[in-house]
């Protein structure tokens, strides 16, 4: 499976309670070679950015940093595993952990819109 995420948009459909991402947000991915980037904002996040590496199977290893409405800089790491849905769209199953704050971990699901 060779997935290119360039210019694809994803919306969160599930997130752990300790996450700051909400279903109102849209992540618009850009990809050049195997490098993935995205700027995002919304709900509790004033501004955020992520950068990752995409492997041959479409798995994404990324780091992210964001400033929340409380003025805190939050950072973390995430692994996103793709699933191709029956309609051809991508669902991303994410395992993430904060590298700031309480250092907790969580799970998210994003779906291509």
N, C-alpha and C. Protein backbone atom coordinates (compact mmCIF):
# COMPACT_ATOMS: atom_id res chain seq x y z
N UNK A 1 0.86 -1.18 0.00
CA UNK A 1 0.00 0.00 0.00
C UNK A 1 0.90 1.23 0.00
N UNK A 2 0.75 2.06 -1.00
CA UNK A 2 1.55 3.27 -1.10
C UNK A 2 0.59 4.46 -1.03
N UNK A 3 0.51 5.10 0.12
CA UNK A 3 -0.43 6.20 0.33
C UNK A 3 0.30 7.52 0.28
N UNK A 4 -0.26 8.46 -0.47
CA UNK A 4 0.24 9.83 -0.47
C UNK A 4 -0.85 10.70 0.15
N UNK A 5 -0.50 11.42 1.21
CA UNK A 5 -1.47 12.23 1.95
C UNK A 5 -1.58 13.66 1.45
N UNK A 6 -0.82 14.00 0.41
CA UNK A 6 -0.78 15.39 -0.05
C UNK A 6 -2.18 15.91 -0.41
N UNK A 7 -2.52 17.04 0.18
CA UNK A 7 -3.75 17.77 -0.06
C UNK A 7 -5.01 17.03 0.41
N UNK A 8 -4.84 16.04 1.30
CA UNK A 8 -5.99 15.35 1.87
C UNK A 8 -6.37 16.01 3.19
N UNK A 9 -7.68 16.02 3.47
CA UNK A 9 -8.20 16.63 4.69
C UNK A 9 -8.82 15.55 5.57
N UNK A 10 -8.55 15.67 6.88
CA UNK A 10 -9.03 14.71 7.85
C UNK A 10 -9.75 15.42 8.99
N UNK A 11 -10.77 14.74 9.51
CA UNK A 11 -11.56 15.27 10.62
C UNK A 11 -11.54 14.25 11.76
N UNK A 12 -11.29 14.69 12.99
CA UNK A 12 -11.35 13.77 14.12
C UNK A 12 -12.77 13.25 14.34
N UNK A 13 -12.90 11.95 14.54
CA UNK A 13 -14.20 11.35 14.85
C UNK A 13 -14.20 10.74 16.25
N UNK A 14 -13.02 10.60 16.86
CA UNK A 14 -12.91 10.10 18.23
C UNK A 14 -11.59 10.58 18.81
N UNK A 15 -11.57 10.82 20.12
CA UNK A 15 -10.35 11.24 20.80
C UNK A 15 -10.47 10.92 22.28
N UNK A 16 -9.36 10.61 22.90
CA UNK A 16 -9.32 10.39 24.34
C UNK A 16 -9.64 11.69 25.06
N UNK A 17 -10.15 11.59 26.28
CA UNK A 17 -10.54 12.77 27.06
C UNK A 17 -9.38 13.71 27.35
N UNK A 18 -8.16 13.20 27.39
CA UNK A 18 -7.00 14.04 27.70
C UNK A 18 -6.41 14.73 26.47
N UNK A 19 -7.06 14.60 25.32
CA UNK A 19 -6.60 15.27 24.10
C UNK A 19 -7.24 16.64 23.96
N UNK A 20 -6.66 17.48 23.11
CA UNK A 20 -7.20 18.82 22.87
C UNK A 20 -7.88 18.96 21.51
N UNK A 21 -7.83 17.94 20.70
CA UNK A 21 -8.42 17.96 19.36
C UNK A 21 -9.91 17.64 19.46
N UNK A 22 -10.73 18.36 18.68
CA UNK A 22 -12.17 18.13 18.68
C UNK A 22 -12.67 17.89 17.25
N UNK A 23 -13.90 17.43 17.14
CA UNK A 23 -14.46 17.06 15.85
C UNK A 23 -14.69 18.25 14.91
N UNK A 24 -14.60 19.48 15.41
CA UNK A 24 -14.78 20.66 14.56
C UNK A 24 -13.53 20.98 13.74
N UNK A 25 -12.41 20.38 14.08
CA UNK A 25 -11.14 20.71 13.44
C UNK A 25 -10.97 19.94 12.14
N UNK A 26 -10.28 20.55 11.19
CA UNK A 26 -9.90 19.90 9.95
C UNK A 26 -8.38 19.96 9.84
N UNK A 27 -7.78 18.81 9.58
CA UNK A 27 -6.34 18.71 9.35
C UNK A 27 -6.11 18.58 7.85
N UNK A 28 -5.43 19.56 7.27
CA UNK A 28 -5.15 19.57 5.82
C UNK A 28 -3.68 19.21 5.64
N UNK A 29 -3.43 17.95 5.28
CA UNK A 29 -2.08 17.44 5.18
C UNK A 29 -1.42 17.86 3.87
N UNK A 30 -0.13 18.11 3.95
CA UNK A 30 0.72 18.35 2.79
C UNK A 30 1.84 17.32 2.86
N UNK A 31 2.23 16.78 1.72
CA UNK A 31 3.29 15.79 1.70
C UNK A 31 4.23 16.06 0.54
N UNK A 32 5.52 16.01 0.82
CA UNK A 32 6.56 16.14 -0.19
C UNK A 32 7.53 14.99 0.04
N UNK A 33 7.61 14.07 -0.93
CA UNK A 33 8.40 12.85 -0.69
C UNK A 33 7.76 12.08 0.43
N UNK A 34 8.53 11.75 1.45
CA UNK A 34 7.96 11.05 2.60
C UNK A 34 7.75 11.96 3.81
N UNK A 35 7.85 13.28 3.60
CA UNK A 35 7.68 14.25 4.70
C UNK A 35 6.27 14.80 4.69
N UNK A 36 5.60 14.69 5.83
CA UNK A 36 4.22 15.16 6.00
C UNK A 36 4.21 16.37 6.93
N UNK A 37 3.43 17.40 6.58
CA UNK A 37 3.29 18.58 7.43
C UNK A 37 1.82 18.99 7.49
N UNK A 38 1.49 19.77 8.52
CA UNK A 38 0.14 20.28 8.66
C UNK A 38 0.15 21.39 9.71
N UNK A 39 -0.56 22.46 9.43
CA UNK A 39 -0.85 23.50 10.43
C UNK A 39 -2.33 23.37 10.76
N UNK A 40 -2.68 23.58 12.01
CA UNK A 40 -4.07 23.40 12.42
C UNK A 40 -4.41 24.34 13.58
N UNK A 41 -5.71 24.51 13.80
CA UNK A 41 -6.22 25.33 14.90
C UNK A 41 -7.69 25.01 15.09
N UNK A 42 -8.23 25.45 16.21
CA UNK A 42 -9.65 25.27 16.47
C UNK A 42 -9.91 24.78 17.88
N UNK A 43 -11.12 25.02 18.35
CA UNK A 43 -11.55 24.62 19.69
C UNK A 43 -10.55 25.11 20.74
N UNK A 44 -9.84 24.21 21.40
CA UNK A 44 -8.90 24.58 22.46
C UNK A 44 -7.52 24.96 21.94
N UNK A 45 -7.28 24.81 20.63
CA UNK A 45 -5.95 25.03 20.07
C UNK A 45 -5.92 26.34 19.29
N UNK A 46 -5.06 27.26 19.73
CA UNK A 46 -4.90 28.54 19.05
C UNK A 46 -4.11 28.34 17.76
N UNK A 47 -3.04 27.57 17.83
CA UNK A 47 -2.22 27.27 16.64
C UNK A 47 -1.44 26.00 16.91
N UNK A 48 -1.38 25.12 15.92
CA UNK A 48 -0.61 23.89 16.06
C UNK A 48 0.05 23.52 14.75
N UNK A 49 1.10 22.73 14.86
CA UNK A 49 1.81 22.23 13.68
C UNK A 49 2.25 20.79 13.96
N UNK A 50 2.27 20.01 12.90
CA UNK A 50 2.82 18.67 13.01
C UNK A 50 3.77 18.42 11.86
N UNK A 51 4.70 17.53 12.09
CA UNK A 51 5.64 17.11 11.06
C UNK A 51 5.89 15.63 11.25
N UNK A 52 5.86 14.89 10.13
CA UNK A 52 6.04 13.47 10.25
C UNK A 52 6.72 12.86 9.04
N UNK A 53 7.01 11.58 9.19
CA UNK A 53 7.60 10.77 8.13
C UNK A 53 6.60 9.67 7.80
N UNK A 54 6.33 9.49 6.50
CA UNK A 54 5.41 8.46 6.02
C UNK A 54 6.25 7.30 5.48
N UNK A 55 5.95 6.07 5.96
CA UNK A 55 6.69 4.93 5.42
C UNK A 55 5.95 4.32 4.22
N UNK A 56 6.50 3.28 3.64
CA UNK A 56 5.95 2.67 2.42
C UNK A 56 4.55 2.12 2.62
N UNK A 57 4.17 1.77 3.86
CA UNK A 57 2.83 1.23 4.13
C UNK A 57 1.81 2.33 4.42
N UNK A 58 2.26 3.60 4.46
CA UNK A 58 1.38 4.72 4.78
C UNK A 58 1.35 5.07 6.26
N UNK A 59 2.08 4.32 7.09
CA UNK A 59 2.17 4.62 8.52
C UNK A 59 2.89 5.95 8.70
N UNK A 60 2.37 6.78 9.60
CA UNK A 60 2.97 8.10 9.85
C UNK A 60 3.54 8.13 11.26
N UNK A 61 4.79 8.50 11.40
CA UNK A 61 5.42 8.78 12.69
C UNK A 61 5.60 10.29 12.73
N UNK A 62 4.96 10.95 13.72
CA UNK A 62 4.99 12.41 13.73
C UNK A 62 5.23 12.96 15.12
N UNK A 63 5.63 14.22 15.12
CA UNK A 63 5.66 15.00 16.35
C UNK A 63 4.76 16.22 16.12
N UNK A 64 4.23 16.74 17.21
CA UNK A 64 3.35 17.90 17.10
C UNK A 64 3.62 18.86 18.24
N UNK A 65 3.32 20.12 17.99
CA UNK A 65 3.37 21.13 19.04
C UNK A 65 2.24 22.11 18.79
N UNK A 66 1.68 22.59 19.87
CA UNK A 66 0.53 23.48 19.75
C UNK A 66 0.43 24.37 20.98
N UNK A 67 -0.16 25.56 20.77
CA UNK A 67 -0.45 26.48 21.86
C UNK A 67 -1.95 26.43 22.09
N UNK A 68 -2.34 26.15 23.33
CA UNK A 68 -3.77 26.06 23.62
C UNK A 68 -4.29 27.40 24.15
N UNK A 69 -5.61 27.48 24.35
CA UNK A 69 -6.23 28.74 24.78
C UNK A 69 -5.77 29.18 26.16
N UNK A 70 -5.22 28.27 26.94
CA UNK A 70 -4.66 28.62 28.26
C UNK A 70 -3.27 29.22 28.12
N UNK A 71 -2.75 29.31 26.88
CA UNK A 71 -1.42 29.87 26.65
C UNK A 71 -0.29 28.89 26.88
N UNK A 72 -0.61 27.61 26.98
CA UNK A 72 0.41 26.58 27.21
C UNK A 72 0.92 26.02 25.89
N UNK A 73 2.22 25.82 25.82
CA UNK A 73 2.83 25.12 24.70
C UNK A 73 2.77 23.63 25.03
N UNK A 74 2.07 22.86 24.20
CA UNK A 74 1.93 21.43 24.40
C UNK A 74 2.64 20.71 23.25
N UNK A 75 3.36 19.64 23.58
CA UNK A 75 4.10 18.89 22.57
C UNK A 75 3.80 17.40 22.72
N UNK A 76 3.98 16.67 21.63
CA UNK A 76 3.72 15.24 21.71
C UNK A 76 4.23 14.47 20.51
N UNK A 77 4.07 13.16 20.59
CA UNK A 77 4.45 12.23 19.54
C UNK A 77 3.24 11.38 19.18
N UNK A 78 3.15 10.97 17.92
CA UNK A 78 1.98 10.22 17.46
C UNK A 78 2.38 9.24 16.36
N UNK A 79 1.76 8.07 16.39
CA UNK A 79 1.85 7.11 15.30
C UNK A 79 0.45 6.95 14.72
N UNK A 80 0.31 7.18 13.42
CA UNK A 80 -0.97 7.06 12.73
C UNK A 80 -0.92 5.88 11.77
N UNK A 81 -1.84 4.95 11.95
CA UNK A 81 -1.91 3.76 11.11
C UNK A 81 -3.13 3.87 10.20
N UNK A 82 -2.92 3.81 8.87
CA UNK A 82 -4.04 3.99 7.94
C UNK A 82 -4.89 2.73 7.76
N UNK A 83 -6.16 2.97 7.50
CA UNK A 83 -7.10 1.93 7.09
C UNK A 83 -7.84 2.48 5.87
N UNK A 84 -7.89 1.72 4.80
CA UNK A 84 -8.62 2.16 3.61
C UNK A 84 -10.06 1.67 3.76
N UNK A 85 -11.00 2.60 3.73
CA UNK A 85 -12.42 2.28 3.89
C UNK A 85 -13.01 1.79 2.56
N UNK A 86 -14.21 1.21 2.63
CA UNK A 86 -14.87 0.67 1.44
C UNK A 86 -15.10 1.74 0.37
N UNK A 87 -15.26 3.01 0.80
CA UNK A 87 -15.48 4.11 -0.15
C UNK A 87 -14.17 4.68 -0.70
N UNK A 88 -13.03 4.08 -0.33
CA UNK A 88 -11.73 4.53 -0.83
C UNK A 88 -11.08 5.61 0.03
N UNK A 89 -11.81 6.16 0.98
CA UNK A 89 -11.25 7.19 1.87
C UNK A 89 -10.37 6.51 2.92
N UNK A 90 -9.59 7.33 3.62
CA UNK A 90 -8.63 6.83 4.62
C UNK A 90 -9.14 7.14 6.02
N UNK A 91 -9.02 6.16 6.90
CA UNK A 91 -9.24 6.35 8.33
C UNK A 91 -7.88 6.17 9.00
N UNK A 92 -7.52 7.09 9.89
CA UNK A 92 -6.25 7.02 10.61
C UNK A 92 -6.51 6.66 12.07
N UNK A 93 -5.88 5.59 12.52
CA UNK A 93 -5.94 5.16 13.92
C UNK A 93 -4.67 5.66 14.58
N UNK A 94 -4.82 6.55 15.56
CA UNK A 94 -3.67 7.23 16.14
C UNK A 94 -3.43 6.82 17.59
N UNK A 95 -2.18 6.58 17.88
CA UNK A 95 -1.70 6.36 19.25
C UNK A 95 -0.75 7.52 19.54
N UNK A 96 -1.07 8.33 20.55
CA UNK A 96 -0.26 9.51 20.80
C UNK A 96 0.06 9.62 22.29
N UNK A 97 1.06 10.46 22.56
CA UNK A 97 1.41 10.76 23.96
C UNK A 97 1.97 12.16 24.05
N UNK A 98 1.60 12.80 25.12
CA UNK A 98 2.14 14.13 25.40
C UNK A 98 3.59 13.98 25.85
N UNK A 99 4.46 14.87 25.37
CA UNK A 99 5.83 14.96 25.87
C UNK A 99 5.96 16.20 26.76
N UNK A 100 4.85 16.85 27.02
CA UNK A 100 4.77 17.99 27.94
C UNK A 100 3.57 17.73 28.86
N UNK A 101 3.35 18.64 29.78
CA UNK A 101 2.20 18.50 30.67
C UNK A 101 2.27 17.21 31.48
N UNK A 102 1.17 16.47 31.50
CA UNK A 102 1.10 15.28 32.35
C UNK A 102 1.71 14.03 31.73
N UNK A 103 2.25 14.14 30.52
CA UNK A 103 2.93 13.03 29.85
C UNK A 103 2.00 11.83 29.59
N UNK A 104 0.70 12.06 29.58
CA UNK A 104 -0.25 10.97 29.39
C UNK A 104 -0.31 10.57 27.91
N UNK A 105 -1.03 9.49 27.65
CA UNK A 105 -1.17 9.01 26.27
C UNK A 105 -2.65 8.84 25.94
N UNK A 106 -2.93 8.67 24.65
CA UNK A 106 -4.31 8.52 24.24
C UNK A 106 -4.44 7.94 22.85
N UNK A 107 -5.68 7.88 22.39
CA UNK A 107 -6.02 7.33 21.08
C UNK A 107 -6.95 8.30 20.37
N UNK A 108 -6.79 8.40 19.07
CA UNK A 108 -7.66 9.24 18.25
C UNK A 108 -7.98 8.48 16.97
N UNK A 109 -9.08 8.86 16.35
CA UNK A 109 -9.42 8.36 15.03
C UNK A 109 -9.76 9.56 14.16
N UNK A 110 -9.13 9.65 13.01
CA UNK A 110 -9.41 10.70 12.02
C UNK A 110 -9.92 10.03 10.75
N UNK A 111 -10.87 10.69 10.07
CA UNK A 111 -11.36 10.18 8.81
C UNK A 111 -11.24 11.24 7.74
N UNK A 112 -10.89 10.79 6.54
CA UNK A 112 -10.75 11.70 5.42
C UNK A 112 -12.13 12.28 5.05
N UNK A 113 -12.15 13.59 4.79
CA UNK A 113 -13.40 14.26 4.40
C UNK A 113 -13.37 14.60 2.92
